[in-house]
Amino acid sequence: MDKIIKISIRNLYKIFGEQPEIALNHVRNGISKLDLLEEYQHVLGLQDINVDMGEGQVTVIMGLSGSGKSTLIRHLNRLIEPTAGEIEVDGENVLAYDDARLRDLRRETMSMVFQKFALFPHHTVTQNAATLLKVRHTNHEETILEANKWLERVGLKGYADHYPHQLSGGMQQRVGIARALTSNSPIMLMDEAFSALDPLIRTDMQDLLLELQTELHKTIVFITHDLDEALKLADYLVILKDGYIVQKGDPQHILLHPNDPYIEDFVSDINRARVLRIRSVMTPIDKVESTDANGEIDYNDTLESMIARSGGDTSLSYTVIKDGAPVGVLYMRDLVKALVPRTITGSTQ
């Protein structure tokens, strides 16, 4: 079934400088980012961005510092205005919104989780979590009940009357997530939300987000510079470099089929056995001549789990099950091949 598009971005450009419209013509005529800066003193932030973000999915936008990922996410709620292009949410052009409609978009439709937590230091945990509902002038008792409900869901039961300085960084970010969930906005924007956290706490927060997403099916736009995090969270992955999209699509496909040396460098050091899923390397059931197998495995199991189960025996095969029905066969010899990084020409590194 085709995904329902929640957010659609078309031909989006952002140029920083005094005369961005004039600079835009140079960009469309092929001038490089470096030459634009040196010759015209303008900075190319985004170049011809085209991407659809599915409803109920986690779209991860990944890139190194300066790639344009934070600039892109801030266009969605118009914290930054584009130089050219279109942004639609639920089929409506948000660039045409007046101030009142834009306020509604930010209050009702989109919530944001920041890297630096952005909590009010003089407000309690509950008051921080209830911020967006208070802005909507929701009934006070209802607001507090809703805030405390989500604080409990993110593991902060008993901390309602604490202040931010009394919490660890991970706990403060849990308040930020509870605040976004309390707003009940269908879209969550998460800009490097876990980047400031220690590795173990970061892993816990990723697991929490995935657990909540299984239940809530929010449309999440998640910004990160970390490929491991991107591959863990993403239903759909967009990789930026110097303001343009290098590759986009299913993260498993990108890992197996990088289309650019830049992507190859990114994925070369990834633990492929831990990240890749059976579904990415199986042979579809309609292409299998014989279904004789040594057992059944789940569609979403990792290759790592299968190596342990099979003992590394490349002669074995397994029937792949999804929702109780066979959908393919995993041949262990294909699994082993998938562990070897490939160049865009198909040769091994």
Protein backbone atom coordinates (compact mmCIF):
# COMPACT_ATOMS: atom_id res chain seq x y z
CA MET A 1 0.00 0.00 0.00
CA ASP A 2 1.33 3.43 -0.96
CA LYS A 3 2.19 5.70 1.92
CA ILE A 4 0.00 8.71 2.65
CA ILE A 5 2.04 11.89 2.21
CA LYS A 6 1.89 14.16 5.25
CA ILE A 7 4.59 16.66 4.26
CA SER A 8 5.66 17.41 0.70
CA ILE A 9 8.62 19.60 -0.23
CA ARG A 10 9.15 20.69 -3.83
CA ASN A 11 12.02 22.60 -5.45
CA LEU A 12 13.03 24.20 -2.16
CA TYR A 13 15.92 26.66 -2.15
CA LYS A 14 17.37 28.76 0.65
CA ILE A 15 20.07 31.33 0.04
CA PHE A 16 21.36 33.57 2.80
CA GLY A 17 22.45 37.07 1.83
CA GLU A 18 21.22 40.53 0.92
CA GLN A 19 19.93 39.64 -2.57
CA PRO A 20 18.94 35.97 -2.47
CA GLU A 21 16.63 36.16 -5.49
CA ILE A 22 19.49 37.34 -7.71
CA ALA A 23 21.82 34.71 -6.25
CA LEU A 24 19.17 32.08 -6.94
CA ASN A 25 19.57 32.62 -10.69
CA HIS A 26 23.30 31.92 -10.40
CA VAL A 27 22.58 28.73 -8.44
CA ARG A 28 20.08 27.52 -11.03
CA ASN A 29 22.70 28.22 -13.70
CA GLY A 30 25.12 25.88 -11.97
CA ILE A 31 27.39 27.99 -9.76
CA SER A 32 28.95 26.04 -6.89
CA LYS A 33 28.36 26.77 -3.21
CA LEU A 34 31.96 27.91 -2.80
CA ASP A 35 31.91 30.18 -5.86
CA LEU A 36 28.60 31.70 -4.78
CA LEU A 37 30.18 32.68 -1.49
CA GLU A 38 33.44 33.96 -2.95
CA GLU A 39 32.00 35.85 -5.93
CA TYR A 40 28.64 37.06 -4.59
CA GLN A 41 28.96 36.82 -0.77
CA HIS A 42 25.86 34.65 -0.49
CA VAL A 43 25.56 31.32 1.31
CA LEU A 44 23.72 28.43 -0.29
CA GLY A 45 21.71 26.75 2.46
CA LEU A 46 19.43 24.44 0.47
CA GLN A 47 19.41 23.52 -3.20
CA ASP A 48 16.41 22.07 -5.03
CA ILE A 49 15.11 19.89 -2.19
CA ASN A 50 12.38 17.45 -3.19
CA VAL A 51 11.10 14.95 -0.63
CA ASP A 52 7.82 13.42 0.54
CA MET A 53 7.39 12.46 4.18
CA GLY A 54 4.91 9.72 4.94
CA GLU A 55 2.16 9.97 7.54
CA GLY A 56 2.97 7.97 10.65
CA GLN A 57 6.58 7.44 9.60
CA VAL A 58 9.94 8.55 10.95
CA THR A 59 11.79 10.52 8.27
CA VAL A 60 15.41 11.04 9.26
CA ILE A 61 17.39 13.85 7.66
CA MET A 62 21.09 13.17 8.09
CA GLY A 63 24.27 15.00 7.20
CA LEU A 64 27.42 16.51 8.59
CA SER A 65 27.60 20.00 10.06
CA GLY A 66 26.80 22.57 7.39
CA SER A 67 24.85 20.13 5.22
CA GLY A 68 21.59 22.07 5.64
CA LYS A 69 19.62 19.59 7.75
CA SER A 70 18.66 22.02 10.55
CA THR A 71 17.91 24.71 7.97
CA LEU A 72 15.55 22.28 6.25
CA ILE A 73 13.58 21.28 9.34
CA ARG A 74 13.10 24.93 10.31
CA HIS A 75 11.41 25.55 6.97
CA LEU A 76 8.62 23.13 7.85
CA ASN A 77 7.15 25.43 10.52
CA ARG A 78 8.52 28.55 8.82
CA LEU A 79 11.04 29.50 11.45
CA ILE A 80 13.06 30.09 8.29
CA GLU A 81 11.43 31.38 5.09
CA PRO A 82 12.56 29.85 1.78
CA THR A 83 14.02 31.70 -1.16
CA ALA A 84 11.95 29.56 -3.53
CA GLY A 85 9.92 26.37 -3.50
CA GLU A 86 6.82 24.78 -2.02
CA ILE A 87 6.00 23.16 1.32
CA GLU A 88 2.69 21.37 1.78
CA VAL A 89 1.26 19.84 4.95
CA ASP A 90 -1.85 17.70 4.44
CA GLY A 91 -2.04 19.11 0.92
CA GLU A 92 -2.07 22.76 2.05
CA ASN A 93 0.60 25.26 1.05
CA VAL A 94 1.98 26.49 4.38
CA LEU A 95 3.92 29.26 2.63
CA ALA A 96 0.58 30.90 1.85
CA TYR A 97 -0.54 30.96 5.49
CA ASP A 98 -1.16 34.31 7.14
CA ASP A 99 0.06 34.94 10.69
CA ALA A 100 -3.02 33.43 12.32
CA ARG A 101 -2.86 30.20 10.28
CA LEU A 102 0.86 29.97 10.92
CA ARG A 103 0.32 30.25 14.68
CA ASP A 104 -2.24 27.45 14.44
CA LEU A 105 0.24 25.30 12.52
CA ARG A 106 2.83 25.72 15.26
CA ARG A 107 0.35 25.26 18.12
CA GLU A 108 -1.87 22.51 16.77
CA THR A 109 -0.10 20.62 13.99
CA MET A 110 3.62 20.64 14.78
CA SER A 111 5.58 20.29 17.99
CA MET A 112 9.37 20.58 18.28
CA VAL A 113 11.98 18.85 20.44
CA PHE A 114 15.28 20.71 20.66
CA GLN A 115 18.87 19.58 21.22
CA LYS A 116 19.31 21.96 24.16
CA PHE A 117 16.03 20.88 25.83
CA ALA A 118 14.61 24.46 25.86
CA LEU A 119 12.93 24.08 29.25
CA PHE A 120 11.85 27.01 31.39
CA PRO A 121 14.17 26.91 34.43
CA HIS A 122 11.63 28.57 36.76
CA HIS A 123 8.82 26.14 35.83
CA THR A 124 8.31 22.69 37.31
CA VAL A 125 8.50 19.55 35.19
CA THR A 126 4.71 19.44 34.90
CA GLN A 127 4.49 23.11 34.00
CA ASN A 128 7.11 22.63 31.28
CA ALA A 129 5.33 19.61 29.86
CA ALA A 130 2.05 21.55 29.81
CA THR A 131 3.47 24.60 28.01
CA LEU A 132 1.80 24.11 24.63
CA LEU A 133 -1.61 23.30 26.11
CA LYS A 134 -1.42 26.44 28.25
CA VAL A 135 -0.73 28.48 25.12
CA ARG A 136 -3.97 27.07 23.69
CA HIS A 137 -5.80 28.15 26.89
CA THR A 138 -6.87 24.58 27.63
CA ASN A 139 -8.66 23.99 30.94
CA HIS A 140 -6.05 24.02 33.73
CA GLU A 141 -7.06 20.74 35.36
CA GLU A 142 -7.21 18.96 32.01
CA THR A 143 -3.80 20.39 31.09
CA ILE A 144 -2.13 19.11 34.27
CA LEU A 145 -3.69 15.65 33.91
CA GLU A 146 -2.53 15.37 30.31
CA ALA A 147 0.99 16.57 31.13
CA ASN A 148 1.37 14.14 34.03
CA LYS A 149 0.06 11.29 31.88
CA TRP A 150 2.84 11.77 29.35
CA LEU A 151 5.47 12.39 31.99
CA GLU A 152 4.63 8.99 33.40
CA ARG A 153 4.81 7.44 29.93
CA VAL A 154 8.34 8.75 29.38
CA GLY A 155 9.49 7.46 32.78
CA LEU A 156 9.23 10.58 34.93
CA LYS A 157 6.52 9.57 37.36
CA GLY A 158 7.24 11.23 40.71
CA TYR A 159 9.16 14.16 39.22
CA ALA A 160 6.19 16.45 38.57
CA ASP A 161 7.25 19.11 41.09
CA HIS A 162 10.97 19.04 40.30
CA TYR A 163 12.71 21.83 38.41
CA PRO A 164 14.95 21.32 35.34
CA HIS A 165 18.20 21.92 37.26
CA GLN A 166 17.32 18.96 39.48
CA LEU A 167 17.23 16.58 36.50
CA SER A 168 19.95 14.90 34.44
CA GLY A 169 20.31 15.71 30.74
CA GLY A 170 18.45 12.56 29.75
CA MET A 171 15.61 13.34 32.13
CA GLN A 172 15.38 16.90 30.82
CA GLN A 173 15.05 15.59 27.28
CA ARG A 174 12.31 13.23 28.46
CA VAL A 175 10.45 16.36 29.62
CA GLY A 176 10.94 17.81 26.14
CA ILE A 177 9.43 14.71 24.56
CA ALA A 178 6.56 14.72 27.07
CA ARG A 179 5.88 18.35 26.18
CA ALA A 180 5.66 17.47 22.49
CA LEU A 181 3.37 14.52 23.22
CA THR A 182 1.16 16.54 25.56
CA SER A 183 0.43 18.93 22.70
CA ASN A 184 -1.06 15.99 20.75
CA SER A 185 0.33 17.41 17.52
CA PRO A 186 0.36 14.90 14.66
CA ILE A 187 3.83 16.06 13.55
CA MET A 188 6.94 16.07 15.74
CA LEU A 189 10.08 17.90 14.63
CA MET A 190 13.20 16.66 16.43
CA ASP A 191 16.36 18.67 15.71
CA GLU A 192 19.43 16.75 16.98
CA ALA A 193 17.22 15.87 19.96
CA PHE A 194 19.59 13.26 21.41
CA SER A 195 22.96 14.63 20.25
CA ALA A 196 23.88 16.26 23.57
CA LEU A 197 23.31 13.09 25.59
CA ASP A 198 25.80 10.48 26.77
CA PRO A 199 25.88 7.34 24.56
CA LEU A 200 24.00 5.05 26.95
CA ILE A 201 21.33 7.65 27.69
CA ARG A 202 21.08 8.37 23.97
CA THR A 203 20.39 4.69 23.27
CA ASP A 204 17.68 4.68 25.96
CA MET A 205 16.03 7.72 24.39
CA GLN A 206 16.09 6.13 20.93
CA ASP A 207 14.44 3.01 22.35
CA LEU A 208 11.83 5.15 24.12
CA LEU A 209 11.02 7.01 20.91
CA LEU A 210 10.59 3.78 18.95
CA GLU A 211 8.41 2.32 21.71
CA LEU A 212 6.13 5.36 21.72
CA GLN A 213 6.04 5.49 17.92
CA THR A 214 4.82 1.89 17.74
CA GLU A 215 1.73 3.03 19.61
CA LEU A 216 1.23 6.62 18.48
CA HIS A 217 2.25 6.59 14.79
CA LYS A 218 3.27 10.24 14.74
CA THR A 219 4.79 11.82 11.66
CA ILE A 220 8.32 12.44 12.94
CA VAL A 221 11.04 14.44 11.21
CA PHE A 222 14.30 13.64 12.98
CA ILE A 223 17.60 15.44 12.37
CA THR A 224 20.92 13.75 13.13
CA HIS A 225 24.56 13.65 12.06
CA ASP A 226 24.93 10.06 13.30
CA LEU A 227 24.38 7.24 10.80
CA ASP A 228 23.87 4.55 13.44
CA GLU A 229 21.07 6.64 14.94
CA ALA A 230 19.61 7.32 11.51
CA LEU A 231 19.55 3.65 10.56
CA LYS A 232 18.00 2.68 13.87
CA LEU A 233 15.17 5.21 13.76
CA ALA A 234 14.39 5.84 10.10
CA ASP A 235 11.52 4.50 8.06
CA TYR A 236 12.76 6.85 5.33
CA LEU A 237 16.24 8.36 5.15
CA VAL A 238 17.37 11.58 3.45
CA ILE A 239 21.11 12.28 3.29
CA LEU A 240 22.22 15.87 2.68
CA LYS A 241 25.57 17.31 1.62
CA ASP A 242 26.27 21.01 1.05
CA GLY A 243 22.54 21.76 0.94
CA TYR A 244 21.44 19.15 -1.61
CA ILE A 245 20.11 15.61 -1.36
CA VAL A 246 22.72 12.98 -2.20
CA GLN A 247 20.46 9.95 -1.68
CA LYS A 248 17.03 9.23 -0.20
CA GLY A 249 14.93 6.15 0.35
CA ASP A 250 14.63 3.06 2.52
CA PRO A 251 17.66 3.06 4.87
CA GLN A 252 18.29 -0.64 4.29
CA HIS A 253 18.44 -0.05 0.53
CA ILE A 254 20.82 2.90 0.95
CA LEU A 255 23.13 0.80 3.10
CA LEU A 256 23.20 -2.01 0.53
CA HIS A 257 23.20 0.23 -2.55
CA PRO A 258 25.03 3.55 -1.96
CA ASN A 259 24.79 5.71 -5.08
CA ASP A 260 27.68 8.07 -4.37
CA PRO A 261 31.23 7.88 -2.92
CA TYR A 262 30.06 10.26 -0.18
CA ILE A 263 27.47 7.68 0.91
CA GLU A 264 30.00 4.86 0.61
CA ASP A 265 32.25 6.65 3.10
CA PHE A 266 29.34 7.05 5.50
CA VAL A 267 28.33 3.40 5.46
CA SER A 268 31.77 1.79 5.26
CA ASP A 269 32.28 1.46 9.02
CA ILE A 270 28.73 0.46 9.95
CA ASN A 271 28.19 -2.87 11.70
CA ARG A 272 26.09 -4.26 8.89
CA ALA A 273 25.13 -7.45 10.74
CA ARG A 274 23.57 -5.42 13.54
CA VAL A 275 21.73 -2.96 11.28
CA LEU A 276 20.57 -4.95 8.26
CA ARG A 277 17.29 -6.85 8.46
CA ILE A 278 16.36 -10.18 6.96
CA ARG A 279 13.83 -8.49 4.65
CA SER A 280 16.67 -6.68 2.87
CA VAL A 281 18.60 -9.80 1.83
CA MET A 282 15.92 -12.48 1.49
CA THR A 283 14.73 -13.94 -1.82
CA PRO A 284 11.00 -13.15 -2.35
CA ILE A 285 8.77 -16.21 -2.11
CA ASP A 286 7.61 -15.93 -5.74
CA LYS A 287 11.23 -16.29 -6.90
CA VAL A 288 12.01 -19.36 -4.82
CA GLU A 289 12.05 -22.72 -6.61
CA SER A 290 12.09 -24.86 -3.46
CA THR A 291 10.85 -23.90 0.00
CA ASP A 292 12.77 -26.66 1.82
CA ALA A 293 14.27 -24.81 4.78
CA ASN A 294 15.96 -25.35 8.12
CA GLY A 295 13.44 -23.31 10.10
CA GLU A 296 11.45 -20.09 10.19
CA ILE A 297 12.62 -16.55 10.94
CA ASP A 298 10.97 -13.18 11.29
CA TYR A 299 10.98 -10.62 8.48
CA ASN A 300 12.54 -7.99 10.74
CA ASP A 301 15.20 -10.09 12.48
CA THR A 302 18.76 -8.77 12.20
CA LEU A 303 21.49 -10.55 10.28
CA GLU A 304 23.45 -10.69 13.53
CA SER A 305 20.77 -12.82 15.16
CA MET A 306 20.78 -15.20 12.19
CA ILE A 307 24.55 -15.64 12.26
CA ALA A 308 24.27 -16.71 15.89
CA ARG A 309 21.32 -19.02 15.20
CA SER A 310 22.91 -20.72 12.18
CA GLY A 311 26.38 -20.96 13.63
CA GLY A 312 27.63 -19.33 10.45
CA ASP A 313 26.73 -22.35 8.29
CA THR A 314 26.32 -20.93 4.77
CA SER A 315 24.58 -24.07 3.49
CA LEU A 316 21.43 -23.37 5.52
CA SER A 317 18.24 -21.58 4.48
CA TYR A 318 15.23 -20.29 6.39
CA THR A 319 11.65 -19.43 5.55
CA VAL A 320 10.97 -15.74 6.22
CA ILE A 321 7.68 -15.02 7.99
CA LYS A 322 5.76 -11.74 8.07
CA ASP A 323 2.42 -11.43 9.87
CA GLY A 324 2.18 -15.22 10.10
CA ALA A 325 2.68 -15.89 6.38
CA PRO A 326 5.81 -16.86 4.39
CA VAL A 327 7.14 -14.01 2.27
CA GLY A 328 10.57 -15.26 1.27
CA VAL A 329 13.58 -17.45 1.91
CA LEU A 330 16.88 -16.42 3.46
CA TYR A 331 19.90 -18.23 2.07
CA MET A 332 22.80 -17.88 4.48
CA ARG A 333 25.19 -17.50 1.57
CA ASP A 334 23.32 -14.32 0.57
CA LEU A 335 23.52 -13.07 4.13
CA VAL A 336 27.30 -13.42 4.11
CA LYS A 337 27.57 -11.52 0.82
CA ALA A 338 25.50 -8.67 2.29
CA LEU A 339 28.05 -8.20 5.06
CA VAL A 340 30.67 -7.05 2.56
CA PRO A 341 30.51 -3.31 1.74
CA ARG A 342 30.18 -2.62 -1.96
CA THR A 343 31.21 0.31 -4.11
CA ILE A 344 28.79 1.94 -6.52
CA THR A 345 30.43 -0.07 -9.33
CA GLY A 346 29.59 -3.28 -7.50
CA SER A 347 33.13 -4.31 -6.56
CA THR A 348 34.01 -5.10 -2.95
CA GLN A 349 36.15 -2.76 -0.91
